Amino acid sequence: MRRGKGDGLSQRQERILSFLHEFFDERGYPPSIREIVTACGISSTSVVDYNLRILQEKGYIRRDGPKLSRGIELLDRRGRGAGARIPVLGFIAAGEPIPVPSAETWGSSEGIDTLDIPEDMLGSGDNVYALRVKGTSMIDALINDGDIVIMKFTNYVNNGEMAAVWIKDRREVTLKKVYQEGNTVRLQPANSQMEPIMVSANNVEVQGKVIGVIRKL
């Protein structure tokens, strides 16, 4: 929730706060200090750091630490986060499958990157994670190389839903639309130049379905 003017902020602090909201709304994660310097026409990173400290003291933001590049969290009037932090569990192939960490590691955020996302991308909020897309097989579904997909962990999807699918004998995961066809599963790309992957139903396991996309600009 944005606070209005008249809350004791300087013009520069208002500009920084406005930029933080604009950046977060557009990209789903906070800007770096240097991005704030450039966008707000500020002379140095130390000036930005000073004003961010004031914004934190007044309850507009929360910072994980001045040395963390994107460690800024927007807060509403009650001091709650304006979004949520989820783990980024590496890459997923939108193309031919590529190796990823074993299935046992899915859902573990220890030692990996995290991403702040808006609340409206969370769904129910439980078991949500992110993957970076590698490849162009889902380009007709507006998911391109370098985008980030927001996933909801589940082992079941309806026909036509987009999911991260573990191909057991290859120990690889791919991002495709899933169609159950008898004892076979068709992993369908959203790219007219690519063929579907056909696999035995007992050789695949759904690891999550797509609930949102953060597009690379």
Protein backbone atom coordinates (compact mmCIF):
# COMPACT_ATOMS: atom_id res chain seq x y z
CA MET A 1 0.00 0.00 0.00
CA ARG A 2 1.48 3.34 -0.99
CA ARG A 3 1.52 6.16 1.51
CA GLY A 4 0.50 9.58 0.34
CA LYS A 5 2.51 12.76 0.49
CA GLY A 6 2.62 14.67 3.75
CA ASP A 7 4.13 11.78 5.75
CA GLY A 8 7.29 13.71 6.59
CA LEU A 9 9.33 12.69 3.56
CA SER A 10 11.56 14.98 1.54
CA GLN A 11 11.00 15.38 -2.17
CA ARG A 12 13.99 13.11 -2.83
CA GLN A 13 12.64 10.43 -0.51
CA GLU A 14 9.23 10.63 -2.19
CA ARG A 15 10.96 10.16 -5.56
CA ILE A 16 12.95 7.16 -4.34
CA LEU A 17 9.87 5.56 -2.79
CA SER A 18 7.86 6.12 -5.97
CA PHE A 19 10.63 4.55 -8.05
CA LEU A 20 10.79 1.54 -5.72
CA HIS A 21 7.07 0.90 -6.22
CA GLU A 22 7.25 1.43 -9.99
CA PHE A 23 10.24 -0.90 -10.34
CA PHE A 24 8.70 -3.59 -8.14
CA ASP A 25 5.33 -3.41 -9.93
CA GLU A 26 7.01 -3.76 -13.33
CA ARG A 27 9.62 -6.41 -12.58
CA GLY A 28 8.54 -8.17 -9.42
CA TYR A 29 11.78 -7.59 -7.52
CA PRO A 30 13.51 -4.55 -5.99
CA PRO A 31 16.09 -2.36 -7.79
CA SER A 32 19.78 -2.25 -6.94
CA ILE A 33 21.27 0.83 -5.28
CA ARG A 34 22.95 1.85 -8.54
CA GLU A 35 19.66 1.57 -10.40
CA ILE A 36 18.15 3.97 -7.85
CA VAL A 37 21.10 6.34 -8.34
CA THR A 38 20.54 6.41 -12.12
CA ALA A 39 16.74 6.56 -12.13
CA CYS A 40 16.46 9.27 -9.46
CA GLY A 41 19.37 11.43 -10.63
CA ILE A 42 21.26 11.09 -7.34
CA SER A 43 24.97 11.86 -7.11
CA SER A 44 26.20 8.80 -5.21
CA THR A 45 25.27 5.47 -3.65
CA SER A 46 25.95 6.90 -0.17
CA VAL A 47 23.20 9.50 -0.66
CA VAL A 48 20.79 6.73 -1.69
CA ASP A 49 21.83 4.66 1.33
CA TYR A 50 21.16 7.63 3.66
CA ASN A 51 17.67 8.16 2.27
CA LEU A 52 16.86 4.46 2.35
CA ARG A 53 17.77 4.43 6.04
CA ILE A 54 15.22 7.20 6.61
CA LEU A 55 12.57 5.32 4.63
CA GLN A 56 13.25 2.28 6.79
CA GLU A 57 13.08 4.27 10.02
CA LYS A 58 9.70 5.68 8.95
CA GLY A 59 8.36 2.21 8.15
CA TYR A 60 8.16 2.42 4.36
CA ILE A 61 10.70 -0.29 3.59
CA ARG A 62 12.68 -3.08 5.22
CA ARG A 63 16.30 -3.73 4.29
CA ASP A 64 18.09 -7.06 4.66
CA GLY A 65 21.43 -5.25 4.84
CA PRO A 66 23.21 -2.43 3.03
CA LYS A 67 25.63 -4.87 1.36
CA LEU A 68 22.87 -6.95 -0.21
CA SER A 69 22.36 -5.69 -3.78
CA ARG A 70 18.56 -6.00 -3.95
CA GLY A 71 17.75 -6.38 -0.26
CA ILE A 72 14.84 -3.91 -0.16
CA GLU A 73 11.33 -4.94 0.82
CA LEU A 74 8.35 -2.59 0.47
CA LEU A 75 6.02 -2.38 3.45
CA ASP A 76 2.40 -1.34 3.78
CA ARG A 77 1.00 0.88 6.54
CA ARG A 78 0.99 -1.97 9.07
CA GLY A 79 4.63 -2.88 8.45
CA ARG A 80 3.87 -6.05 6.54
CA GLY A 81 5.65 -6.97 3.37
CA ALA A 82 4.14 -5.79 0.09
CA GLY A 83 5.05 -9.14 -1.44
CA ALA A 84 6.66 -12.45 -0.56
CA ARG A 85 10.09 -13.99 -0.87
CA ILE A 86 10.34 -17.33 -2.66
CA PRO A 87 13.30 -19.56 -3.60
CA VAL A 88 14.72 -19.59 -7.13
CA LEU A 89 15.55 -23.23 -7.81
CA GLY A 90 17.82 -22.78 -10.82
CA PHE A 91 17.03 -23.19 -14.52
CA ILE A 92 14.37 -25.09 -16.40
CA ALA A 93 14.43 -25.87 -20.09
CA ALA A 94 11.82 -24.47 -22.42
CA GLY A 95 13.25 -26.56 -25.24
CA GLU A 96 15.01 -29.90 -24.86
CA PRO A 97 15.22 -30.99 -21.21
CA ILE A 98 18.36 -30.02 -19.31
CA PRO A 99 19.72 -31.52 -16.09
CA VAL A 100 18.63 -29.85 -12.86
CA PRO A 101 19.14 -30.72 -9.17
CA SER A 102 17.60 -34.05 -8.23
CA ALA A 103 13.92 -34.26 -7.40
CA GLU A 104 14.71 -34.54 -3.69
CA THR A 105 16.04 -30.96 -3.64
CA TRP A 106 12.85 -29.34 -4.94
CA GLY A 107 11.27 -27.20 -2.22
CA SER A 108 14.57 -26.65 -0.40
CA SER A 109 15.74 -23.02 -0.38
CA GLU A 110 18.99 -23.54 1.51
CA GLY A 111 21.95 -21.87 -0.16
CA ILE A 112 20.04 -20.64 -3.21
CA ASP A 113 18.76 -17.35 -4.59
CA THR A 114 15.46 -15.83 -3.56
CA LEU A 115 13.02 -13.53 -5.32
CA ASP A 116 10.49 -11.01 -3.99
CA ILE A 117 7.17 -11.21 -5.83
CA PRO A 118 3.83 -9.38 -5.51
CA GLU A 119 1.18 -11.01 -3.34
CA ASP A 120 -1.19 -11.38 -6.29
CA MET A 121 1.22 -13.88 -7.89
CA LEU A 122 1.24 -16.18 -4.86
CA GLY A 123 -2.05 -18.00 -5.23
CA SER A 124 -2.65 -19.71 -1.88
CA GLY A 125 0.90 -18.79 -0.86
CA ASP A 126 2.16 -22.28 0.04
CA ASN A 127 4.90 -24.22 -1.77
CA VAL A 128 5.63 -21.50 -4.33
CA TYR A 129 9.02 -21.26 -6.02
CA ALA A 130 10.63 -19.77 -9.12
CA LEU A 131 12.66 -21.09 -12.06
CA ARG A 132 14.69 -19.27 -14.68
CA VAL A 133 13.72 -20.26 -18.22
CA LYS A 134 16.31 -21.45 -20.71
CA GLY A 135 15.11 -21.87 -24.29
CA THR A 136 12.25 -20.77 -26.52
CA SER A 137 9.89 -23.74 -26.75
CA MET A 138 7.16 -21.84 -24.84
CA ILE A 139 7.52 -18.57 -26.74
CA ASP A 140 3.96 -18.73 -28.14
CA ALA A 141 2.75 -18.83 -24.52
CA LEU A 142 4.68 -15.57 -23.98
CA ILE A 143 7.48 -17.28 -22.05
CA ASN A 144 10.90 -16.56 -23.53
CA ASP A 145 14.51 -17.35 -22.79
CA GLY A 146 15.61 -15.50 -19.64
CA ASP A 147 12.12 -15.10 -18.16
CA ILE A 148 11.28 -16.34 -14.67
CA VAL A 149 8.30 -18.62 -14.10
CA ILE A 150 6.52 -18.68 -10.74
CA MET A 151 5.60 -22.25 -9.86
CA LYS A 152 3.16 -23.87 -7.44
CA PHE A 153 4.41 -27.26 -6.24
CA THR A 154 1.97 -30.01 -7.19
CA ASN A 155 2.11 -33.53 -8.57
CA TYR A 156 -1.07 -33.13 -10.64
CA VAL A 157 -2.17 -30.84 -13.47
CA ASN A 158 -5.11 -30.84 -15.85
CA ASN A 159 -4.60 -31.46 -19.54
CA GLY A 160 -3.24 -28.35 -21.22
CA GLU A 161 -1.75 -26.81 -18.09
CA MET A 162 1.88 -25.72 -18.17
CA ALA A 163 4.11 -27.61 -15.78
CA ALA A 164 7.64 -28.50 -14.79
CA VAL A 165 7.88 -32.21 -15.58
CA TRP A 166 10.58 -34.56 -14.27
CA ILE A 167 11.58 -37.19 -16.86
CA LYS A 168 12.80 -39.95 -14.60
CA ASP A 169 15.09 -41.98 -16.85
CA ARG A 170 16.87 -38.83 -18.09
CA ARG A 171 16.94 -37.20 -14.63
CA GLU A 172 15.94 -33.99 -16.36
CA VAL A 173 13.13 -31.46 -16.09
CA THR A 174 11.39 -29.60 -18.89
CA LEU A 175 8.73 -26.88 -19.03
CA LYS A 176 5.83 -27.89 -21.28
CA LYS A 177 2.06 -28.14 -21.55
CA VAL A 178 1.02 -31.58 -20.30
CA TYR A 179 -1.46 -33.91 -21.99
CA GLN A 180 -2.27 -37.38 -20.63
CA GLU A 181 -3.09 -39.69 -23.56
CA GLY A 182 -3.72 -43.18 -22.24
CA ASN A 183 -0.43 -44.65 -21.06
CA THR A 184 1.53 -41.87 -22.74
CA VAL A 185 2.13 -38.28 -21.74
CA ARG A 186 2.61 -35.65 -24.43
CA LEU A 187 4.82 -32.76 -23.38
CA GLN A 188 3.74 -30.09 -25.82
CA PRO A 189 5.87 -27.03 -26.63
CA ALA A 190 4.22 -23.70 -27.43
CA ASN A 191 6.39 -23.20 -30.49
CA SER A 192 5.24 -24.27 -33.97
CA GLN A 193 8.84 -25.07 -34.95
CA MET A 194 9.26 -27.75 -32.25
CA GLU A 195 7.93 -31.29 -31.88
CA PRO A 196 6.31 -32.62 -28.69
CA ILE A 197 8.13 -35.01 -26.37
CA MET A 198 6.29 -38.32 -25.97
CA VAL A 199 7.02 -40.31 -22.81
CA SER A 200 5.51 -43.20 -20.89
CA ALA A 201 3.18 -42.05 -18.13
CA ASN A 202 5.15 -44.01 -15.52
CA ASN A 203 8.34 -42.25 -16.60
CA VAL A 204 7.25 -38.71 -15.71
CA GLU A 205 6.42 -36.81 -12.55
CA VAL A 206 4.89 -33.34 -12.39
CA GLN A 207 6.97 -31.09 -10.11
CA GLY A 208 4.81 -27.96 -10.25
CA LYS A 209 2.57 -25.85 -12.44
CA VAL A 210 3.07 -22.33 -13.73
CA ILE A 211 1.06 -19.67 -11.85
CA GLY A 212 2.87 -16.56 -13.06
CA VAL A 213 5.64 -15.17 -15.26
CA ILE A 214 8.15 -12.37 -14.72
CA ARG A 215 9.34 -11.36 -18.16
CA LYS A 216 12.89 -10.34 -18.96
CA LEU A 217 12.96 -6.76 -20.22
